[in-house]
Protein backbone atom coordinates (compact mmCIF):
# COMPACT_ATOMS: atom_id res chain seq x y z
CA VAL A 1 -148.50 139.23 -47.80
CA ASP A 2 -145.24 139.20 -44.91
CA LEU A 3 -145.96 136.48 -42.47
CA THR A 4 -144.24 135.09 -39.43
CA LEU A 5 -144.29 131.05 -38.62
CA TYR A 6 -143.78 128.85 -35.74
CA GLY A 7 -142.96 125.43 -35.17
CA ILE A 8 -140.97 122.49 -36.29
CA THR A 9 -138.72 123.41 -39.20
CA ASN A 10 -137.07 120.37 -40.21
CA ASP A 11 -138.36 116.89 -39.59
CA GLU A 12 -139.07 113.50 -41.36
CA VAL A 13 -142.67 113.97 -41.99
CA ASP A 14 -142.72 117.25 -44.45
CA ILE A 15 -140.61 118.83 -46.71
CA SER A 16 -137.86 121.24 -44.72
CA VAL A 17 -138.07 125.27 -45.12
CA ASP A 18 -134.64 124.68 -46.87
CA THR A 19 -136.22 122.76 -49.68
CA ILE A 20 -138.84 125.77 -49.79
CA ARG A 21 -135.87 128.37 -49.63
CA THR A 22 -133.64 126.63 -51.94
CA VAL A 23 -136.08 124.71 -54.67
CA THR A 24 -139.35 126.21 -54.44
CA LEU A 25 -138.64 130.14 -54.74
CA PRO A 26 -136.10 129.66 -56.96
CA MET A 27 -138.40 127.92 -59.27
CA ILE A 28 -141.36 130.14 -58.54
CA LYS A 29 -139.11 132.93 -59.81
CA ARG A 30 -137.28 131.60 -62.60
CA GLN A 31 -140.02 129.60 -64.22
CA PHE A 32 -142.95 131.31 -63.44
CA GLY A 33 -141.53 134.94 -63.17
CA VAL A 34 -142.63 135.81 -59.76
CA ASP A 35 -139.33 138.08 -58.23
CA ASP A 36 -140.99 141.19 -56.43
CA GLY A 37 -139.76 140.64 -53.01
CA LEU A 38 -140.45 136.78 -52.58
CA ALA A 39 -137.93 135.53 -50.10
CA LEU A 40 -137.93 133.11 -47.01
CA ASN A 41 -135.50 133.97 -43.87
CA ILE A 42 -134.76 131.15 -40.92
CA VAL A 43 -134.62 133.23 -37.95
CA LYS A 44 -134.45 129.93 -35.57
CA ARG A 45 -134.83 126.58 -36.67
CA GLY A 46 -136.95 124.19 -34.84
CA VAL A 47 -137.21 120.30 -34.59
CA ALA A 48 -139.41 117.51 -33.17
CA PRO A 49 -141.03 117.21 -30.55
CA GLY A 50 -140.33 120.87 -28.67
CA GLY A 51 -140.50 122.90 -32.22
CA GLY A 52 -139.80 126.57 -31.74
CA GLY A 53 -138.61 127.27 -34.90
CA GLU A 54 -139.45 130.83 -36.58
CA ILE A 55 -139.10 131.97 -40.51
CA SER A 56 -140.72 135.26 -42.07
CA ILE A 57 -141.60 134.62 -45.64
CA LYS A 58 -142.50 137.51 -48.01
CA LEU A 59 -144.94 136.74 -50.87
CA PRO A 60 -145.71 139.07 -53.28
CA ILE A 61 -148.98 138.95 -55.30
CA ALA A 62 -149.03 137.99 -58.68
CA LYS A 63 -151.45 139.22 -61.20
CA GLN A 64 -150.62 136.51 -63.73
CA LEU A 65 -148.53 133.50 -64.29
CA LYS A 66 -147.00 132.85 -67.31
CA ASN A 67 -146.94 129.15 -69.22
CA ILE A 68 -144.02 127.16 -68.51
CA ASP A 69 -142.87 123.91 -70.39
CA TRP A 70 -140.99 121.87 -67.74
CA THR A 71 -140.62 118.46 -69.38
CA ASP A 72 -136.72 118.21 -69.69
CA GLU A 73 -135.26 117.29 -66.37
CA GLY A 74 -131.40 117.20 -68.09
CA MET A 75 -128.68 115.91 -66.24
CA VAL A 76 -126.80 116.85 -62.51
CA LYS A 77 -124.20 119.29 -63.41
CA ARG A 78 -123.85 120.38 -59.49
CA VAL A 79 -125.12 120.01 -55.75
CA ARG A 80 -125.58 122.44 -52.94
CA GLY A 81 -126.70 121.65 -49.36
CA VAL A 82 -126.81 122.54 -45.77
CA ALA A 83 -126.29 120.31 -43.05
CA PHE A 84 -127.87 122.01 -39.49
CA THR A 85 -127.55 121.21 -36.12
CA LEU A 86 -129.61 122.12 -33.10
CA ARG A 87 -128.37 121.77 -29.50
CA VAL A 88 -125.59 119.58 -30.51
CA SER A 89 -122.03 119.75 -31.27
CA PRO A 90 -121.10 121.40 -34.23
CA GLN A 91 -119.12 118.86 -34.93
CA THR A 92 -122.34 116.58 -35.77
CA GLY A 93 -122.75 118.95 -38.74
CA ASN A 94 -119.23 118.31 -39.95
CA ARG A 95 -119.74 114.53 -39.93
CA LEU A 96 -122.87 114.78 -41.76
CA VAL A 97 -120.86 116.94 -44.92
CA ASP A 98 -118.04 114.22 -44.83
CA ALA A 99 -120.69 111.27 -45.03
CA SER A 100 -122.56 113.06 -48.18
CA ARG A 101 -119.38 114.42 -50.09
CA GLY A 102 -117.90 110.65 -49.59
CA VAL A 103 -121.13 109.35 -51.54
CA LEU A 104 -121.35 112.58 -54.13
CA ASN A 105 -117.82 113.03 -54.96
CA ASP A 106 -117.50 109.46 -56.88
CA PHE A 107 -119.61 111.07 -59.47
CA LEU A 108 -119.32 115.09 -59.45
CA PRO A 109 -116.87 117.45 -58.46
CA ASP A 110 -119.10 120.16 -58.35
CA VAL A 111 -120.39 119.57 -54.50
CA TYR A 112 -120.66 122.33 -51.58
CA ILE A 113 -122.45 121.59 -48.52
CA PHE A 114 -122.30 124.17 -45.76
CA THR A 115 -122.87 123.96 -42.22
CA ASP A 116 -125.19 126.01 -39.96
CA HIS A 117 -125.01 125.47 -36.27
CA HIS A 118 -127.70 126.93 -34.02
CA PRO A 119 -127.03 126.90 -30.17
CA GLY A 120 -130.98 127.01 -29.80
CA ASP A 121 -132.38 128.77 -26.29
CA ALA A 122 -129.30 126.77 -24.37
CA ARG A 123 -127.24 130.83 -24.75
CA ASN A 124 -130.46 132.25 -22.46
CA GLY A 125 -130.21 129.39 -20.08
CA GLN A 126 -133.23 128.14 -21.52
CA LYS A 127 -132.55 124.54 -22.15
CA GLY A 128 -136.12 123.18 -22.22
CA LYS A 129 -137.71 125.18 -24.74
CA THR A 130 -136.24 123.76 -27.89
CA SER A 131 -135.22 119.85 -28.78
CA PRO A 132 -132.19 118.99 -29.82
CA GLY A 133 -131.35 117.56 -33.52
CA PHE A 134 -129.59 117.84 -36.78
CA GLY A 135 -130.20 117.38 -40.38
CA LEU A 136 -129.47 117.47 -44.11
CA SER A 137 -130.67 119.07 -46.92
CA LEU A 138 -129.30 118.82 -50.70
CA VAL A 139 -130.47 120.53 -53.82
CA ALA A 140 -129.09 118.92 -57.05
CA GLU A 141 -129.29 121.65 -60.17
CA THR A 142 -129.35 120.09 -63.54
CA THR A 143 -128.29 121.11 -67.25
CA SER A 144 -131.95 122.08 -68.23
CA GLY A 145 -132.61 124.33 -65.00
CA CYS A 146 -134.49 121.97 -62.55
CA LEU A 147 -133.92 121.76 -58.98
CA LEU A 148 -134.11 118.41 -57.45
CA SER A 149 -133.65 118.38 -53.44
CA VAL A 150 -133.78 115.69 -50.87
CA ASP A 151 -134.11 115.95 -46.82
CA ALA A 152 -133.13 114.25 -43.92
CA ALA A 153 -133.70 115.06 -40.08
CA SER A 154 -132.36 113.18 -36.78
CA THR A 155 -134.80 110.52 -34.92
CA ALA A 156 -133.86 109.49 -31.45
CA GLY A 157 -130.55 107.53 -31.23
CA SER A 158 -129.43 108.27 -35.04
CA ALA A 159 -126.07 109.57 -35.63
CA GLY A 160 -124.96 112.21 -37.87
CA LYS A 161 -123.11 109.96 -39.99
CA GLU A 162 -125.93 107.73 -40.51
CA ILE A 163 -127.94 110.69 -41.48
CA GLY A 164 -125.43 111.74 -44.34
CA TYR A 165 -125.57 108.06 -45.94
CA SER A 166 -129.59 107.62 -45.14
CA VAL A 167 -130.12 110.23 -48.10
CA PHE A 168 -128.58 107.82 -50.43
CA GLN A 169 -129.66 104.68 -49.31
CA GLN A 170 -133.31 104.67 -49.52
CA GLU A 171 -133.72 102.82 -52.97
CA ASP A 172 -131.25 100.30 -52.29
CA THR A 173 -132.90 99.48 -48.77
CA SER A 174 -135.91 98.66 -50.73
CA SER A 175 -134.66 96.80 -53.75
CA SER A 176 -132.99 94.65 -51.05
CA GLU A 177 -135.95 94.03 -49.34
CA GLU A 178 -137.91 92.90 -52.44
CA ASP A 179 -135.17 90.28 -53.08
CA SER A 180 -135.56 89.04 -49.64
CA ASP A 181 -138.96 88.55 -50.43
CA GLU A 182 -138.31 86.86 -53.54
CA TYR A 183 -135.88 84.56 -51.78
CA SER A 184 -138.53 83.52 -49.40
CA GLU A 185 -140.90 82.43 -51.84
CA GLU A 186 -138.53 80.75 -53.90
CA GLU A 187 -137.84 78.36 -50.57
CA THR A 188 -141.69 78.12 -49.80
CA GLU A 189 -142.10 76.52 -53.15
CA GLY A 190 -139.05 74.57 -52.59
CA ASP A 191 -140.26 73.35 -49.85
CA GLU A 192 -143.74 72.39 -51.15
CA GLU A 193 -142.37 70.32 -53.69
CA SER A 194 -140.03 68.52 -51.60
CA GLY A 195 -142.97 67.61 -49.46
CA SER A 196 -144.63 65.94 -52.31
CA ASP A 197 -142.15 63.85 -53.06
CA ASP A 198 -142.01 62.40 -49.57
CA ASP A 199 -145.52 61.79 -49.53
CA ASP A 200 -144.95 59.68 -53.07
CA ASP A 201 -142.49 57.80 -51.46
CA GLU A 202 -144.40 56.97 -48.14
CA GLU A 203 -147.65 55.25 -50.73
CA MET A 204 -144.58 53.59 -52.88
CA GLU A 205 -143.77 51.54 -49.44
CA THR A 206 -147.30 51.01 -48.51
């Protein structure tokens, strides 16, 4: 099967074409043995709301799939990734790479993130066809051969450095929200107890 698909290639809703290319397809090849012509090529990138992206994907027909045992996740040994820019300054991609490496290099040295700049339709003087944007896709390979991925894409008003850090701060944000909720509950309980003491004092004075 040879398909050409058009639309949005990177956003904050679905997994990106980079994850399909660097994680899904390699795992199908490696684990299921499907390797006869399986490929995905990113012709043009497209972000919301304008879209305009284009990819070509080749899917061979497999007669059978072998069984796999995939219970050992392993330890991360290397990280690869791509920082893409579309109709924005190429320096935005460099800021994405710097922000990501600033976090990852504290844990492991084998980190390589390359930049992928797309001028969009601006080269042909048709700036209204594609929306500007940028994003980041990272893939961690473990000692057992597992591939773990994470994606981040730009939203209105977001900066390249913020996107680079946001990949690693999702879990921290949720934990801080839980702490704040627990703190507010403790304050509420303390207010109720202090209120009951004031009522007792008023009854004694009467």
